[in-house]
Amino acid sequence: MSAKRILMIVGDFAEDYETMVPFQALIMVGHRVDAVSPGKVAGDKIATAIHDFEGDQTYTEKRGHNFVINADFEGVLAQDYDALVIPGGRAPEHLRLNARVLELIRAFADQKKPIAAVCHGAQLLAAAGVIAGRTISAYPACRPEVELAGARYADIAVADAVADGNFITAPAWPAHPAWLAKFLTVLGTEIRL
C-alpha cells in the first residue's frame, strides 16, 4: 500500500469522536492526515464537542477534548491530497459560511477524489453544491439540507454507512467501523495482519 495524503477539515465544536477516531485510525493504517481549520495554523487547537444519544429527542452535547491542528489552512490545495474527511458536530454549521472551505470541497468533488462526511458533515457537502443526484447519509436533522441540495437521503441505521461513487457518508460516530471500511476500500488501502 502506498500512503495517501488525506485532508481533514475541522472547526471549533467538531464532534470529538468524529474527529479524533478517524484521524488516529487513518494514521494507524499508514496514511498522512493533515487536519486544518480556517484561521488556524499547525499547533493551534480547536475545542471539540461530545454528542451522545441519551434518549432525548436529539443528541446531547458536552465539551470534548482539545484537538491540535497539525497543518496550516492557508495554502491548502485539493490537488495535493488524495482524499477529504469532514467530521460532523457543530463545526459544519459555521464552516459552511467559509467560501474557501466550500471551494476546497468543490475541488475534491470536481477531481472525483474520495470524500467522507459523517453526521452534520453533510451540511458542508450540501452548501458546496456537490451532492445533487447522489445518495447521502447524515444525521437525521440534516435530511432537509441533503434533499434540498438535490441528493437522495439514505435513511440508514446509526451504525451503517453508504458509498455512492467517491462519496462515503454516515449518520453519526457509531458508524466509524462501517464508513472507515468503505473509505479505505475506495482509497485502495490494504490492511495485512
N, C-alpha and C. Protein backbone atom coordinates (compact mmCIF):
# COMPACT_ATOMS: atom_id res chain seq x y z
N MET A 1 0.84 -1.18 0.00
CA MET A 1 0.00 0.00 0.00
C MET A 1 0.88 1.24 0.00
N SER A 2 0.55 2.18 -0.84
CA SER A 2 1.25 3.46 -0.77
C SER A 2 0.42 4.39 0.09
N ALA A 3 1.11 5.12 0.96
CA ALA A 3 0.43 6.03 1.86
C ALA A 3 -0.28 7.12 1.07
N LYS A 4 -1.48 7.47 1.50
CA LYS A 4 -2.26 8.53 0.89
C LYS A 4 -2.19 9.77 1.77
N ARG A 5 -2.33 10.91 1.13
CA ARG A 5 -2.44 12.17 1.88
C ARG A 5 -3.92 12.51 1.98
N ILE A 6 -4.38 12.68 3.19
CA ILE A 6 -5.79 12.95 3.44
C ILE A 6 -5.92 14.28 4.15
N LEU A 7 -6.84 15.10 3.66
CA LEU A 7 -7.14 16.38 4.30
C LEU A 7 -8.38 16.21 5.16
N MET A 8 -8.32 16.70 6.39
CA MET A 8 -9.46 16.72 7.30
C MET A 8 -9.75 18.17 7.64
N ILE A 9 -10.97 18.62 7.33
CA ILE A 9 -11.35 20.00 7.64
C ILE A 9 -12.20 19.99 8.90
N VAL A 10 -11.74 20.71 9.93
CA VAL A 10 -12.42 20.76 11.21
C VAL A 10 -12.59 22.21 11.65
N GLY A 11 -13.36 22.39 12.70
CA GLY A 11 -13.55 23.70 13.29
C GLY A 11 -13.98 23.52 14.72
N ASP A 12 -14.04 24.61 15.45
CA ASP A 12 -14.46 24.53 16.85
C ASP A 12 -15.79 23.82 16.96
N PHE A 13 -15.85 22.93 17.93
CA PHE A 13 -17.01 22.10 18.25
C PHE A 13 -17.35 21.08 17.18
N ALA A 14 -16.29 20.67 16.44
CA ALA A 14 -16.42 19.44 15.65
C ALA A 14 -16.66 18.32 16.65
N GLU A 15 -17.38 17.30 16.23
CA GLU A 15 -17.68 16.20 17.14
C GLU A 15 -16.38 15.49 17.50
N ASP A 16 -16.15 15.31 18.78
CA ASP A 16 -14.91 14.75 19.31
C ASP A 16 -14.56 13.41 18.67
N TYR A 17 -15.46 12.42 18.77
CA TYR A 17 -15.19 11.09 18.24
C TYR A 17 -15.02 11.13 16.73
N GLU A 18 -15.79 11.96 16.05
CA GLU A 18 -15.75 12.01 14.59
C GLU A 18 -14.49 12.70 14.07
N THR A 19 -13.79 13.36 14.97
CA THR A 19 -12.53 13.99 14.62
C THR A 19 -11.36 13.10 15.01
N MET A 20 -11.31 12.74 16.28
CA MET A 20 -10.14 12.03 16.80
C MET A 20 -10.03 10.60 16.30
N VAL A 21 -11.13 9.86 16.28
CA VAL A 21 -11.04 8.45 15.88
C VAL A 21 -10.58 8.29 14.43
N PRO A 22 -11.22 8.96 13.45
CA PRO A 22 -10.73 8.81 12.07
C PRO A 22 -9.30 9.34 11.89
N PHE A 23 -8.99 10.45 12.53
CA PHE A 23 -7.64 11.00 12.44
C PHE A 23 -6.62 9.94 12.85
N GLN A 24 -6.83 9.33 14.01
CA GLN A 24 -5.90 8.33 14.51
C GLN A 24 -5.93 7.04 13.69
N ALA A 25 -7.12 6.59 13.30
CA ALA A 25 -7.25 5.34 12.56
C ALA A 25 -6.57 5.43 11.20
N LEU A 26 -6.75 6.55 10.52
CA LEU A 26 -6.15 6.70 9.20
C LEU A 26 -4.62 6.79 9.28
N ILE A 27 -4.11 7.41 10.33
CA ILE A 27 -2.67 7.43 10.55
C ILE A 27 -2.18 6.02 10.88
N MET A 28 -2.96 5.30 11.69
CA MET A 28 -2.57 3.95 12.10
C MET A 28 -2.36 3.02 10.90
N VAL A 29 -3.17 3.19 9.85
CA VAL A 29 -3.03 2.31 8.69
C VAL A 29 -2.00 2.83 7.68
N GLY A 30 -1.31 3.92 8.04
CA GLY A 30 -0.20 4.38 7.22
C GLY A 30 -0.41 5.62 6.39
N HIS A 31 -1.58 6.23 6.50
CA HIS A 31 -1.84 7.44 5.73
C HIS A 31 -1.38 8.69 6.48
N ARG A 32 -1.15 9.74 5.74
CA ARG A 32 -0.82 11.04 6.34
C ARG A 32 -2.11 11.85 6.36
N VAL A 33 -2.47 12.36 7.53
CA VAL A 33 -3.69 13.15 7.68
C VAL A 33 -3.31 14.55 8.11
N ASP A 34 -3.67 15.53 7.31
CA ASP A 34 -3.47 16.93 7.67
C ASP A 34 -4.81 17.49 8.14
N ALA A 35 -4.89 17.83 9.41
CA ALA A 35 -6.09 18.43 9.98
C ALA A 35 -5.94 19.95 9.94
N VAL A 36 -6.88 20.61 9.27
CA VAL A 36 -6.81 22.06 9.11
C VAL A 36 -8.12 22.70 9.54
N SER A 37 -8.04 23.99 9.86
CA SER A 37 -9.21 24.76 10.24
C SER A 37 -8.98 26.21 9.83
N PRO A 38 -10.01 26.86 9.27
CA PRO A 38 -9.85 28.25 8.85
C PRO A 38 -9.33 29.13 10.00
N GLY A 39 -8.34 29.94 9.66
CA GLY A 39 -7.77 30.86 10.65
C GLY A 39 -6.80 30.20 11.61
N LYS A 40 -6.51 28.93 11.43
CA LYS A 40 -5.63 28.21 12.34
C LYS A 40 -4.37 27.75 11.61
N VAL A 41 -3.30 27.60 12.37
CA VAL A 41 -2.04 27.09 11.85
C VAL A 41 -1.63 25.88 12.68
N ALA A 42 -0.68 25.12 12.16
CA ALA A 42 -0.20 23.94 12.88
C ALA A 42 0.16 24.30 14.31
N GLY A 43 -0.31 23.50 15.25
CA GLY A 43 -0.06 23.75 16.66
C GLY A 43 -1.22 24.41 17.38
N ASP A 44 -2.10 25.10 16.63
CA ASP A 44 -3.30 25.69 17.24
C ASP A 44 -4.26 24.56 17.63
N LYS A 45 -5.20 24.89 18.50
CA LYS A 45 -6.18 23.90 18.96
C LYS A 45 -7.58 24.34 18.60
N ILE A 46 -8.45 23.33 18.43
CA ILE A 46 -9.88 23.59 18.36
C ILE A 46 -10.51 22.88 19.54
N ALA A 47 -11.64 23.38 19.98
CA ALA A 47 -12.44 22.71 21.01
C ALA A 47 -13.34 21.71 20.31
N THR A 48 -13.48 20.52 20.87
CA THR A 48 -14.42 19.55 20.30
C THR A 48 -15.64 19.43 21.21
N ALA A 49 -16.67 18.81 20.68
CA ALA A 49 -17.90 18.57 21.44
C ALA A 49 -18.20 17.08 21.40
N ILE A 50 -18.73 16.56 22.49
CA ILE A 50 -19.14 15.16 22.54
C ILE A 50 -20.66 15.13 22.44
N HIS A 51 -21.13 14.51 21.38
CA HIS A 51 -22.56 14.33 21.18
C HIS A 51 -22.92 12.90 21.53
N ASP A 52 -23.98 12.74 22.28
CA ASP A 52 -24.38 11.40 22.69
C ASP A 52 -25.88 11.24 22.52
N PHE A 53 -26.30 10.00 22.47
CA PHE A 53 -27.70 9.66 22.29
C PHE A 53 -28.18 9.08 23.61
N GLU A 54 -28.92 9.88 24.38
CA GLU A 54 -29.29 9.50 25.73
C GLU A 54 -30.80 9.42 25.93
N GLY A 55 -31.53 9.20 24.84
CA GLY A 55 -32.97 9.03 24.95
C GLY A 55 -33.78 10.30 24.79
N ASP A 56 -33.12 11.42 24.53
CA ASP A 56 -33.83 12.67 24.31
C ASP A 56 -34.26 12.77 22.85
N GLN A 57 -34.97 13.83 22.50
CA GLN A 57 -35.43 13.99 21.12
C GLN A 57 -34.27 14.18 20.15
N THR A 58 -33.17 14.68 20.62
CA THR A 58 -31.98 14.85 19.80
C THR A 58 -30.77 14.52 20.67
N TYR A 59 -29.60 14.65 20.13
CA TYR A 59 -28.39 14.33 20.87
C TYR A 59 -28.13 15.36 21.97
N THR A 60 -27.36 14.97 22.97
CA THR A 60 -26.91 15.91 23.98
C THR A 60 -25.49 16.34 23.61
N GLU A 61 -25.07 17.47 24.16
CA GLU A 61 -23.73 17.98 23.83
C GLU A 61 -22.98 18.34 25.10
N LYS A 62 -21.74 17.87 25.15
CA LYS A 62 -20.83 18.20 26.25
C LYS A 62 -19.51 18.64 25.65
N ARG A 63 -18.75 19.40 26.39
CA ARG A 63 -17.43 19.85 25.94
C ARG A 63 -16.52 18.63 25.82
N GLY A 64 -15.80 18.57 24.73
CA GLY A 64 -14.87 17.47 24.50
C GLY A 64 -13.44 17.88 24.76
N HIS A 65 -12.53 17.19 24.11
CA HIS A 65 -11.10 17.44 24.24
C HIS A 65 -10.67 18.60 23.35
N ASN A 66 -9.47 19.09 23.59
CA ASN A 66 -8.84 19.98 22.64
C ASN A 66 -8.17 19.11 21.59
N PHE A 67 -8.30 19.49 20.34
CA PHE A 67 -7.69 18.77 19.23
C PHE A 67 -6.67 19.69 18.59
N VAL A 68 -5.45 19.22 18.43
CA VAL A 68 -4.37 20.04 17.89
C VAL A 68 -4.36 19.93 16.37
N ILE A 69 -4.45 21.08 15.72
CA ILE A 69 -4.34 21.17 14.27
C ILE A 69 -2.89 20.88 13.90
N ASN A 70 -2.66 20.09 12.85
CA ASN A 70 -1.27 19.74 12.51
C ASN A 70 -0.81 20.30 11.17
N ALA A 71 -1.64 21.16 10.55
CA ALA A 71 -1.24 21.79 9.28
C ALA A 71 -1.91 23.15 9.18
N ASP A 72 -1.37 24.01 8.33
CA ASP A 72 -1.92 25.35 8.12
C ASP A 72 -3.06 25.31 7.11
N PHE A 73 -4.14 26.02 7.38
CA PHE A 73 -5.27 26.08 6.45
C PHE A 73 -4.91 26.86 5.20
N GLU A 74 -4.23 27.98 5.38
CA GLU A 74 -3.86 28.81 4.24
C GLU A 74 -2.94 28.03 3.30
N GLY A 75 -3.22 28.10 2.03
CA GLY A 75 -2.38 27.45 1.05
C GLY A 75 -2.72 26.00 0.76
N VAL A 76 -3.69 25.42 1.49
CA VAL A 76 -4.08 24.03 1.23
C VAL A 76 -4.74 23.95 -0.14
N LEU A 77 -4.31 22.97 -0.93
CA LEU A 77 -4.88 22.75 -2.26
C LEU A 77 -5.35 21.31 -2.40
N ALA A 78 -6.53 21.13 -2.96
CA ALA A 78 -7.07 19.77 -3.15
C ALA A 78 -6.12 18.92 -3.99
N GLN A 79 -5.45 19.51 -4.93
CA GLN A 79 -4.56 18.75 -5.82
C GLN A 79 -3.41 18.08 -5.08
N ASP A 80 -3.12 18.53 -3.86
CA ASP A 80 -2.03 17.95 -3.08
C ASP A 80 -2.48 16.77 -2.22
N TYR A 81 -3.76 16.41 -2.29
CA TYR A 81 -4.32 15.37 -1.42
C TYR A 81 -5.03 14.31 -2.25
N ASP A 82 -5.15 13.14 -1.64
CA ASP A 82 -5.83 12.01 -2.28
C ASP A 82 -7.28 11.89 -1.85
N ALA A 83 -7.64 12.48 -0.71
CA ALA A 83 -9.00 12.33 -0.20
C ALA A 83 -9.29 13.42 0.84
N LEU A 84 -10.58 13.53 1.17
CA LEU A 84 -11.06 14.54 2.12
C LEU A 84 -11.95 13.87 3.15
N VAL A 85 -11.80 14.27 4.43
CA VAL A 85 -12.67 13.80 5.51
C VAL A 85 -13.29 15.03 6.18
N ILE A 86 -14.62 14.96 6.38
CA ILE A 86 -15.36 16.04 7.02
C ILE A 86 -16.11 15.49 8.23
N PRO A 87 -15.59 15.73 9.44
CA PRO A 87 -16.31 15.31 10.64
C PRO A 87 -17.56 16.17 10.85
N GLY A 88 -18.46 15.65 11.65
CA GLY A 88 -19.68 16.39 11.96
C GLY A 88 -19.54 17.22 13.22
N GLY A 89 -20.61 17.27 13.97
CA GLY A 89 -20.65 18.12 15.15
C GLY A 89 -21.23 19.47 14.78
N ARG A 90 -20.93 20.46 15.59
CA ARG A 90 -21.45 21.80 15.34
C ARG A 90 -20.60 22.58 14.35
N ALA A 91 -19.36 22.17 14.12
CA ALA A 91 -18.45 22.91 13.24
C ALA A 91 -19.02 23.14 11.84
N PRO A 92 -19.65 22.14 11.19
CA PRO A 92 -20.13 22.36 9.82
C PRO A 92 -21.09 23.53 9.66
N GLU A 93 -21.92 23.80 10.68
CA GLU A 93 -22.86 24.92 10.53
C GLU A 93 -22.11 26.25 10.41
N HIS A 94 -20.93 26.34 10.99
CA HIS A 94 -20.11 27.54 10.87
C HIS A 94 -19.21 27.47 9.63
N LEU A 95 -18.59 26.32 9.41
CA LEU A 95 -17.66 26.17 8.29
C LEU A 95 -18.34 26.37 6.93
N ARG A 96 -19.63 26.07 6.84
CA ARG A 96 -20.33 26.22 5.56
C ARG A 96 -20.47 27.68 5.13
N LEU A 97 -20.15 28.59 6.02
CA LEU A 97 -20.18 30.01 5.70
C LEU A 97 -18.83 30.51 5.18
N ASN A 98 -17.83 29.63 5.15
CA ASN A 98 -16.49 30.00 4.72
C ASN A 98 -16.31 29.63 3.25
N ALA A 99 -16.18 30.64 2.40
CA ALA A 99 -16.09 30.41 0.95
C ALA A 99 -14.91 29.53 0.58
N ARG A 100 -13.79 29.66 1.27
CA ARG A 100 -12.60 28.87 0.96
C ARG A 100 -12.83 27.39 1.28
N VAL A 101 -13.53 27.09 2.37
CA VAL A 101 -13.86 25.70 2.70
C VAL A 101 -14.71 25.10 1.59
N LEU A 102 -15.73 25.83 1.16
CA LEU A 102 -16.61 25.33 0.10
C LEU A 102 -15.85 25.15 -1.21
N GLU A 103 -14.93 26.05 -1.49
CA GLU A 103 -14.09 25.94 -2.70
C GLU A 103 -13.25 24.66 -2.66
N LEU A 104 -12.68 24.34 -1.50
CA LEU A 104 -11.89 23.12 -1.36
C LEU A 104 -12.75 21.88 -1.59
N ILE A 105 -13.94 21.86 -1.00
CA ILE A 105 -14.83 20.71 -1.17
C ILE A 105 -15.19 20.54 -2.65
N ARG A 106 -15.50 21.64 -3.31
CA ARG A 106 -15.82 21.57 -4.75
C ARG A 106 -14.64 21.03 -5.55
N ALA A 107 -13.44 21.44 -5.19
CA ALA A 107 -12.25 20.97 -5.91
C ALA A 107 -12.07 19.47 -5.74
N PHE A 108 -12.26 18.95 -4.53
CA PHE A 108 -12.18 17.50 -4.32
C PHE A 108 -13.25 16.79 -5.14
N ALA A 109 -14.47 17.32 -5.13
CA ALA A 109 -15.57 16.70 -5.89
C ALA A 109 -15.30 16.76 -7.39
N ASP A 110 -14.83 17.90 -7.88
CA ASP A 110 -14.53 18.04 -9.31
C ASP A 110 -13.45 17.06 -9.75
N GLN A 111 -12.49 16.80 -8.86
CA GLN A 111 -11.40 15.87 -9.17
C GLN A 111 -11.79 14.42 -8.86
N LYS A 112 -13.04 14.22 -8.44
CA LYS A 112 -13.58 12.88 -8.14
C LYS A 112 -12.73 12.11 -7.13
N LYS A 113 -12.20 12.84 -6.16
CA LYS A 113 -11.43 12.22 -5.09
C LYS A 113 -12.38 11.75 -4.00
N PRO A 114 -12.02 10.72 -3.25
CA PRO A 114 -12.89 10.25 -2.16
C PRO A 114 -13.16 11.35 -1.14
N ILE A 115 -14.43 11.47 -0.76
CA ILE A 115 -14.87 12.43 0.24
C ILE A 115 -15.72 11.69 1.25
N ALA A 116 -15.30 11.69 2.50
CA ALA A 116 -16.08 11.09 3.58
C ALA A 116 -16.65 12.20 4.44
N ALA A 117 -17.94 12.09 4.75
CA ALA A 117 -18.60 13.06 5.63
C ALA A 117 -19.47 12.29 6.62
N VAL A 118 -19.37 12.65 7.88
CA VAL A 118 -20.11 11.98 8.93
C VAL A 118 -21.04 13.00 9.60
N CYS A 119 -22.24 12.55 9.92
CA CYS A 119 -23.17 13.32 10.73
C CYS A 119 -23.52 14.65 10.06
N HIS A 120 -23.23 15.76 10.72
CA HIS A 120 -23.52 17.08 10.18
C HIS A 120 -22.53 17.51 9.10
N GLY A 121 -21.53 16.69 8.80
CA GLY A 121 -20.60 16.99 7.71
C GLY A 121 -21.31 17.16 6.39
N ALA A 122 -22.47 16.51 6.24
CA ALA A 122 -23.26 16.65 5.02
C ALA A 122 -23.72 18.08 4.79
N GLN A 123 -23.79 18.88 5.85
CA GLN A 123 -24.15 20.30 5.68
C GLN A 123 -23.14 21.00 4.78
N LEU A 124 -21.88 20.61 4.89
CA LEU A 124 -20.85 21.21 4.04
C LEU A 124 -20.98 20.73 2.60
N LEU A 125 -21.30 19.45 2.42
CA LEU A 125 -21.49 18.93 1.06
C LEU A 125 -22.67 19.62 0.39
N ALA A 126 -23.75 19.82 1.15
CA ALA A 126 -24.93 20.50 0.61
C ALA A 126 -24.61 21.95 0.27
N ALA A 127 -23.93 22.64 1.17
CA ALA A 127 -23.60 24.06 0.94
C ALA A 127 -22.66 24.22 -0.25
N ALA A 128 -21.79 23.23 -0.47
CA ALA A 128 -20.85 23.30 -1.60
C ALA A 128 -21.53 22.95 -2.92
N GLY A 129 -22.74 22.39 -2.85
CA GLY A 129 -23.48 22.07 -4.07
C GLY A 129 -22.90 20.91 -4.86
N VAL A 130 -22.40 19.88 -4.15
CA VAL A 130 -21.71 18.80 -4.86
C VAL A 130 -22.42 17.45 -4.79
N ILE A 131 -23.63 17.39 -4.21
CA ILE A 131 -24.25 16.09 -3.98
C ILE A 131 -25.53 15.84 -4.78
N ALA A 132 -25.87 16.71 -5.69
CA ALA A 132 -27.09 16.51 -6.49
C ALA A 132 -27.02 15.15 -7.19
N GLY A 133 -28.11 14.39 -7.07
CA GLY A 133 -28.20 13.09 -7.71
C GLY A 133 -27.51 11.96 -6.96
N ARG A 134 -26.88 12.24 -5.85
CA ARG A 134 -26.16 11.23 -5.07
C ARG A 134 -27.04 10.71 -3.94
N THR A 135 -26.66 9.56 -3.39
CA THR A 135 -27.29 9.03 -2.19
C THR A 135 -26.36 9.34 -1.03
N ILE A 136 -26.88 10.12 -0.08
CA ILE A 136 -26.06 10.66 1.00
C ILE A 136 -26.73 10.40 2.34
N SER A 137 -25.96 9.94 3.30
CA SER A 137 -26.45 9.80 4.67
C SER A 137 -25.95 10.98 5.49
N ALA A 138 -26.62 11.21 6.60
CA ALA A 138 -26.25 12.29 7.51
C ALA A 138 -27.06 12.10 8.78
N TYR A 139 -26.76 12.89 9.78
CA TYR A 139 -27.61 12.90 10.96
C TYR A 139 -29.02 13.27 10.50
N PRO A 140 -30.05 12.61 11.01
CA PRO A 140 -31.41 12.83 10.50
C PRO A 140 -31.85 14.29 10.44
N ALA A 141 -31.38 15.12 11.34
CA ALA A 141 -31.77 16.54 11.32
C ALA A 141 -31.23 17.27 10.10
N CYS A 142 -30.26 16.67 9.40
CA CYS A 142 -29.69 17.27 8.18
C CYS A 142 -30.41 16.80 6.92
N ARG A 143 -31.38 15.93 7.07
CA ARG A 143 -32.10 15.40 5.90
C ARG A 143 -32.65 16.51 4.99
N PRO A 144 -33.31 17.54 5.54
CA PRO A 144 -33.83 18.58 4.64
C PRO A 144 -32.74 19.24 3.80
N GLU A 145 -31.57 19.50 4.38
CA GLU A 145 -30.49 20.13 3.62
C GLU A 145 -29.97 19.21 2.52
N VAL A 146 -29.84 17.92 2.85
CA VAL A 146 -29.37 16.94 1.87
C VAL A 146 -30.35 16.90 0.69
N GLU A 147 -31.64 16.84 0.99
CA GLU A 147 -32.64 16.76 -0.07
C GLU A 147 -32.76 18.07 -0.85
N LEU A 148 -32.67 19.20 -0.17
CA LEU A 148 -32.72 20.49 -0.87
C LEU A 148 -31.51 20.68 -1.80
N ALA A 149 -30.42 19.98 -1.50
CA ALA A 149 -29.23 20.03 -2.36
C ALA A 149 -29.35 19.07 -3.54
N GLY A 150 -30.49 18.38 -3.64
CA GLY A 150 -30.73 17.50 -4.78
C GLY A 150 -30.26 16.07 -4.62
N ALA A 151 -29.90 15.69 -3.40
CA ALA A 151 -29.46 14.32 -3.14
C ALA A 151 -30.61 13.48 -2.59
N ARG A 152 -30.44 12.17 -2.68
CA ARG A 152 -31.37 11.24 -2.05
C ARG A 152 -30.82 10.98 -0.64
N TYR A 153 -31.65 11.17 0.36
CA TYR A 153 -31.22 10.94 1.74
C TYR A 153 -31.28 9.45 2.05
N ALA A 154 -30.16 8.89 2.50
CA ALA A 154 -30.10 7.48 2.89
C ALA A 154 -30.49 7.38 4.36
N ASP A 155 -31.69 6.90 4.61
CA ASP A 155 -32.20 6.74 5.97
C ASP A 155 -31.76 5.37 6.47
N ILE A 156 -30.57 5.31 7.05
CA ILE A 156 -29.95 4.04 7.45
C ILE A 156 -29.74 4.03 8.96
N ALA A 157 -29.42 2.87 9.49
CA ALA A 157 -29.14 2.73 10.92
C ALA A 157 -27.93 3.58 11.30
N VAL A 158 -27.89 4.00 12.54
CA VAL A 158 -26.85 4.90 13.02
C VAL A 158 -25.45 4.28 12.91
N ALA A 159 -25.36 2.96 12.84
CA ALA A 159 -24.07 2.28 12.74
C ALA A 159 -23.71 1.89 11.31
N ASP A 160 -24.51 2.31 10.33
CA ASP A 160 -24.27 1.98 8.93
C ASP A 160 -23.68 3.16 8.17
N ALA A 161 -23.23 2.89 6.96
CA ALA A 161 -22.68 3.93 6.08
C ALA A 161 -23.11 3.60 4.66
N VAL A 162 -23.03 4.59 3.80
CA VAL A 162 -23.37 4.41 2.40
C VAL A 162 -22.25 5.00 1.54
N ALA A 163 -21.95 4.29 0.45
CA ALA A 163 -20.98 4.79 -0.52
C ALA A 163 -21.70 5.00 -1.84
N ASP A 164 -21.52 6.16 -2.43
CA ASP A 164 -22.06 6.47 -3.75
C ASP A 164 -20.93 7.10 -4.55
N GLY A 165 -20.29 6.29 -5.38
CA GLY A 165 -19.13 6.78 -6.12
C GLY A 165 -18.03 7.16 -5.16
N ASN A 166 -17.57 8.40 -5.24
CA ASN A 166 -16.48 8.85 -4.38
C ASN A 166 -16.97 9.41 -3.04
N PHE A 167 -18.28 9.42 -2.78
CA PHE A 167 -18.82 9.92 -1.52
C PHE A 167 -19.11 8.77 -0.57
N ILE A 168 -18.57 8.87 0.64
CA ILE A 168 -18.84 7.91 1.70
C ILE A 168 -19.41 8.71 2.85
N THR A 169 -20.65 8.36 3.26
CA THR A 169 -21.32 9.16 4.29
C THR A 169 -21.96 8.24 5.33
N ALA A 170 -22.12 8.80 6.53
CA ALA A 170 -22.68 8.05 7.65
C ALA A 170 -23.44 9.00 8.57
N PRO A 171 -24.41 8.46 9.33
CA PRO A 171 -25.24 9.32 10.17
C PRO A 171 -24.59 9.83 11.46
N ALA A 172 -23.61 9.11 12.00
CA ALA A 172 -23.01 9.56 13.27
C ALA A 172 -21.82 8.66 13.62
N TRP A 173 -21.15 9.01 14.72
CA TRP A 173 -19.93 8.31 15.11
C TRP A 173 -20.09 6.80 15.35
N PRO A 174 -21.26 6.27 15.71
CA PRO A 174 -21.34 4.80 15.83
C PRO A 174 -21.05 4.07 14.51
N ALA A 175 -21.05 4.79 13.41
CA ALA A 175 -20.79 4.19 12.09
C ALA A 175 -19.31 4.18 11.72
N HIS A 176 -18.41 4.54 12.62
CA HIS A 176 -16.99 4.56 12.27
C HIS A 176 -16.51 3.26 11.62
N PRO A 177 -16.81 2.08 12.17
CA PRO A 177 -16.33 0.86 11.51
C PRO A 177 -16.84 0.75 10.07
N ALA A 178 -18.10 1.11 9.85
CA ALA A 178 -18.70 0.97 8.51
C ALA A 178 -18.13 1.98 7.53
N TRP A 179 -18.10 3.26 7.90
CA TRP A 179 -17.64 4.24 6.91
C TRP A 179 -16.14 4.18 6.71
N LEU A 180 -15.38 3.92 7.77
CA LEU A 180 -13.93 3.81 7.59
C LEU A 180 -13.59 2.63 6.67
N ALA A 181 -14.30 1.51 6.81
CA ALA A 181 -14.06 0.36 5.93
C ALA A 181 -14.35 0.72 4.48
N LYS A 182 -15.47 1.39 4.23
CA LYS A 182 -15.82 1.80 2.86
C LYS A 182 -14.81 2.81 2.32
N PHE A 183 -14.41 3.75 3.17
CA PHE A 183 -13.45 4.78 2.77
C PHE A 183 -12.10 4.15 2.40
N LEU A 184 -11.64 3.22 3.23
CA LEU A 184 -10.36 2.57 2.95
C LEU A 184 -10.44 1.75 1.67
N THR A 185 -11.59 1.16 1.38
CA THR A 185 -11.77 0.42 0.13
C THR A 185 -11.66 1.36 -1.06
N VAL A 186 -12.35 2.49 -0.99
CA VAL A 186 -12.29 3.47 -2.09
C VAL A 186 -10.87 4.01 -2.26
N LEU A 187 -10.15 4.17 -1.15
CA LEU A 187 -8.76 4.63 -1.21
C LEU A 187 -7.81 3.57 -1.75
N GLY A 188 -8.24 2.32 -1.73
CA GLY A 188 -7.38 1.23 -2.17
C GLY A 188 -6.41 0.78 -1.08
N THR A 189 -6.76 1.06 0.17
CA THR A 189 -5.91 0.69 1.29
C THR A 189 -6.06 -0.79 1.59
N GLU A 190 -4.94 -1.49 1.65
CA GLU A 190 -4.95 -2.89 2.03
C GLU A 190 -4.33 -3.02 3.41
N ILE A 191 -5.03 -3.73 4.27
CA ILE A 191 -4.52 -3.96 5.63
C ILE A 191 -4.17 -5.43 5.73
N ARG A 192 -2.94 -5.69 6.10
CA ARG A 192 -2.48 -7.06 6.28
C ARG A 192 -2.15 -7.28 7.75
N LEU A 193 -2.68 -8.34 8.29
CA LEU A 193 -2.42 -8.66 9.69
C LEU A 193 -1.32 -9.69 9.82
